[in-house]
Amino acid sequence: MWYSLAQMEIGKQIKNLRIKLNISQDRFGKRIGLTGKTISAYETGKISPPIEVLNKISEEFEVNFVKKTNREIERKIEELQRSLMELQNIFKESLSF
């Protein structure tokens, strides 16, 4: 589930960048070698752009997309680690009964 949320967040970032640049999905896509339909799919979270595409976006538009994505992933990892610790504690408590 968190992966689809991450996809949606990346899509929002792509859309926000494109709108800030005031260019269409087609034009945005052409600048990085993709179609407007692909950009639309990224923006809506239907598919997740590969890291290579994020790198192309970063280079072409001089933004640090990958770093933002890594921060998102790090936050989700921390959340998962906390959840895992909670589950371990629940499991330990259930064994003591």
C-alpha atoms as a PDB file:
ATOM      1  CA  MET A   1       0.000   0.000   0.000  1.00  0.00           C
ATOM      2  CA  TRP A   2       2.744   2.512   0.835  1.00  0.00           C
ATOM      3  CA  TYR A   3       4.232   2.009  -2.616  1.00  0.00           C
ATOM      4  CA  SER A   4       1.072   3.251  -4.291  1.00  0.00           C
ATOM      5  CA  LEU A   5       1.089   6.255  -1.955  1.00  0.00           C
ATOM      6  CA  ALA A   6       4.701   6.917  -2.925  1.00  0.00           C
ATOM      7  CA  GLN A   7       3.724   6.635  -6.598  1.00  0.00           C
ATOM      8  CA  MET A   8       0.997   9.203  -6.088  1.00  0.00           C
ATOM      9  CA  GLU A   9       3.403  11.547  -4.281  1.00  0.00           C
ATOM     10  CA  ILE A  10       5.962  11.285  -7.075  1.00  0.00           C
ATOM     11  CA  GLY A  11       3.182  11.907  -9.577  1.00  0.00           C
ATOM     12  CA  LYS A  12       2.135  15.048  -7.706  1.00  0.00           C
ATOM     13  CA  GLN A  13       5.714  16.291  -7.730  1.00  0.00           C
ATOM     14  CA  ILE A  14       5.977  15.708 -11.478  1.00  0.00           C
ATOM     15  CA  LYS A  15       2.681  17.490 -12.089  1.00  0.00           C
ATOM     16  CA  ASN A  16       3.631  20.416  -9.840  1.00  0.00           C
ATOM     17  CA  LEU A  17       6.929  20.802 -11.686  1.00  0.00           C
ATOM     18  CA  ARG A  18       5.236  20.662 -15.077  1.00  0.00           C
ATOM     19  CA  ILE A  19       2.617  23.224 -14.053  1.00  0.00           C
ATOM     20  CA  LYS A  20       5.300  25.485 -12.589  1.00  0.00           C
ATOM     21  CA  LEU A  21       7.097  25.309 -15.947  1.00  0.00           C
ATOM     22  CA  ASN A  22       3.776  26.000 -17.707  1.00  0.00           C
ATOM     23  CA  ILE A  23       4.192  23.212 -20.248  1.00  0.00           C
ATOM     24  CA  SER A  24       1.900  20.452 -21.467  1.00  0.00           C
ATOM     25  CA  GLN A  25       2.322  16.784 -20.656  1.00  0.00           C
ATOM     26  CA  ASP A  26       3.340  16.202 -24.283  1.00  0.00           C
ATOM     27  CA  ARG A  27       6.020  18.875 -24.205  1.00  0.00           C
ATOM     28  CA  PHE A  28       7.295  17.738 -20.809  1.00  0.00           C
ATOM     29  CA  GLY A  29       7.471  14.165 -22.047  1.00  0.00           C
ATOM     30  CA  LYS A  30       9.266  15.061 -25.274  1.00  0.00           C
ATOM     31  CA  ARG A  31      11.979  16.865 -23.342  1.00  0.00           C
ATOM     32  CA  ILE A  32      12.826  13.617 -21.551  1.00  0.00           C
ATOM     33  CA  GLY A  33      12.058  11.203 -24.385  1.00  0.00           C
ATOM     34  CA  LEU A  34       8.580  10.083 -23.296  1.00  0.00           C
ATOM     35  CA  THR A  35       4.997  10.576 -24.434  1.00  0.00           C
ATOM     36  CA  GLY A  36       2.392  12.790 -22.842  1.00  0.00           C
ATOM     37  CA  LYS A  37       0.370   9.665 -22.019  1.00  0.00           C
ATOM     38  CA  THR A  38       3.272   8.318 -19.982  1.00  0.00           C
ATOM     39  CA  ILE A  39       3.581  11.612 -18.106  1.00  0.00           C
ATOM     40  CA  SER A  40      -0.164  11.491 -17.427  1.00  0.00           C
ATOM     41  CA  ALA A  41       0.182   7.966 -16.025  1.00  0.00           C
ATOM     42  CA  TYR A  42       2.991   9.139 -13.723  1.00  0.00           C
ATOM     43  CA  GLU A  43       1.019  12.173 -12.577  1.00  0.00           C
ATOM     44  CA  THR A  44      -2.064  10.130 -11.710  1.00  0.00           C
ATOM     45  CA  GLY A  45      -0.063   7.423  -9.919  1.00  0.00           C
ATOM     46  CA  LYS A  46      -1.117   4.703 -12.363  1.00  0.00           C
ATOM     47  CA  ILE A  47       2.517   3.792 -12.923  1.00  0.00           C
ATOM     48  CA  SER A  48       5.704   4.719 -11.140  1.00  0.00           C
ATOM     49  CA  PRO A  49       8.564   6.246 -13.091  1.00  0.00           C
ATOM     50  CA  PRO A  50      11.779   4.225 -13.006  1.00  0.00           C
ATOM     51  CA  ILE A  51      14.755   5.822 -11.315  1.00  0.00           C
ATOM     52  CA  GLU A  52      16.280   6.491 -14.741  1.00  0.00           C
ATOM     53  CA  VAL A  53      13.301   8.681 -15.641  1.00  0.00           C
ATOM     54  CA  LEU A  54      13.543  10.544 -12.347  1.00  0.00           C
ATOM     55  CA  ASN A  55      17.217  11.136 -13.086  1.00  0.00           C
ATOM     56  CA  LYS A  56      16.337  12.473 -16.570  1.00  0.00           C
ATOM     57  CA  ILE A  57      13.755  14.817 -15.056  1.00  0.00           C
ATOM     58  CA  SER A  58      16.308  15.987 -12.502  1.00  0.00           C
ATOM     59  CA  GLU A  59      18.909  16.683 -15.176  1.00  0.00           C
ATOM     60  CA  GLU A  60      16.610  18.220 -17.783  1.00  0.00           C
ATOM     61  CA  PHE A  61      14.729  20.523 -15.443  1.00  0.00           C
ATOM     62  CA  GLU A  62      17.518  21.084 -12.900  1.00  0.00           C
ATOM     63  CA  VAL A  63      15.583  19.770  -9.913  1.00  0.00           C
ATOM     64  CA  ASN A  64      16.582  17.226  -7.314  1.00  0.00           C
ATOM     65  CA  PHE A  65      13.800  14.716  -7.821  1.00  0.00           C
ATOM     66  CA  VAL A  66      15.689  11.662  -6.663  1.00  0.00           C
ATOM     67  CA  LYS A  67      16.594  13.220  -3.335  1.00  0.00           C
ATOM     68  CA  LYS A  68      12.946  14.053  -2.661  1.00  0.00           C
ATOM     69  CA  THR A  69      12.009  10.501  -3.496  1.00  0.00           C
ATOM     70  CA  ASN A  70      14.714   9.109  -1.216  1.00  0.00           C
ATOM     71  CA  ARG A  71      13.376  11.222   1.658  1.00  0.00           C
ATOM     72  CA  GLU A  72       9.924   9.776   1.077  1.00  0.00           C
ATOM     73  CA  ILE A  73      11.337   6.257   1.110  1.00  0.00           C
ATOM     74  CA  GLU A  74      13.345   6.933   4.272  1.00  0.00           C
ATOM     75  CA  ARG A  75      10.228   8.176   6.075  1.00  0.00           C
ATOM     76  CA  LYS A  76       8.296   5.091   5.023  1.00  0.00           C
ATOM     77  CA  ILE A  77      11.129   2.813   6.171  1.00  0.00           C
ATOM     78  CA  GLU A  78      11.103   4.519   9.575  1.00  0.00           C
ATOM     79  CA  GLU A  79       7.328   4.042   9.790  1.00  0.00           C
ATOM     80  CA  LEU A  80       7.687   0.367   8.885  1.00  0.00           C
ATOM     81  CA  GLN A  81      10.431  -0.109  11.469  1.00  0.00           C
ATOM     82  CA  ARG A  82       8.220   1.408  14.182  1.00  0.00           C
ATOM     83  CA  SER A  83       5.334  -0.817  13.132  1.00  0.00           C
ATOM     84  CA  LEU A  84       7.584  -3.875  13.185  1.00  0.00           C
ATOM     85  CA  MET A  85       8.739  -3.061  16.716  1.00  0.00           C
ATOM     86  CA  GLU A  86       5.119  -2.695  17.816  1.00  0.00           C
ATOM     87  CA  LEU A  87       4.264  -6.065  16.295  1.00  0.00           C
ATOM     88  CA  GLN A  88       7.258  -7.677  17.980  1.00  0.00           C
ATOM     89  CA  ASN A  89       6.123  -6.287  21.340  1.00  0.00           C
ATOM     90  CA  ILE A  90       2.579  -7.537  20.793  1.00  0.00           C
ATOM     91  CA  PHE A  91       3.929 -10.960  19.843  1.00  0.00           C
ATOM     92  CA  LYS A  92       6.145 -11.082  22.948  1.00  0.00           C
ATOM     93  CA  GLU A  93       3.221 -10.067  25.167  1.00  0.00           C
ATOM     94  CA  SER A  94       1.018 -12.753  23.650  1.00  0.00           C
ATOM     95  CA  LEU A  95       3.650 -15.412  24.371  1.00  0.00           C
ATOM     96  CA  SER A  96       3.775 -14.454  28.043  1.00  0.00           C
ATOM     97  CA  PHE A  97       0.093 -15.368  28.574  1.00  0.00           C
END
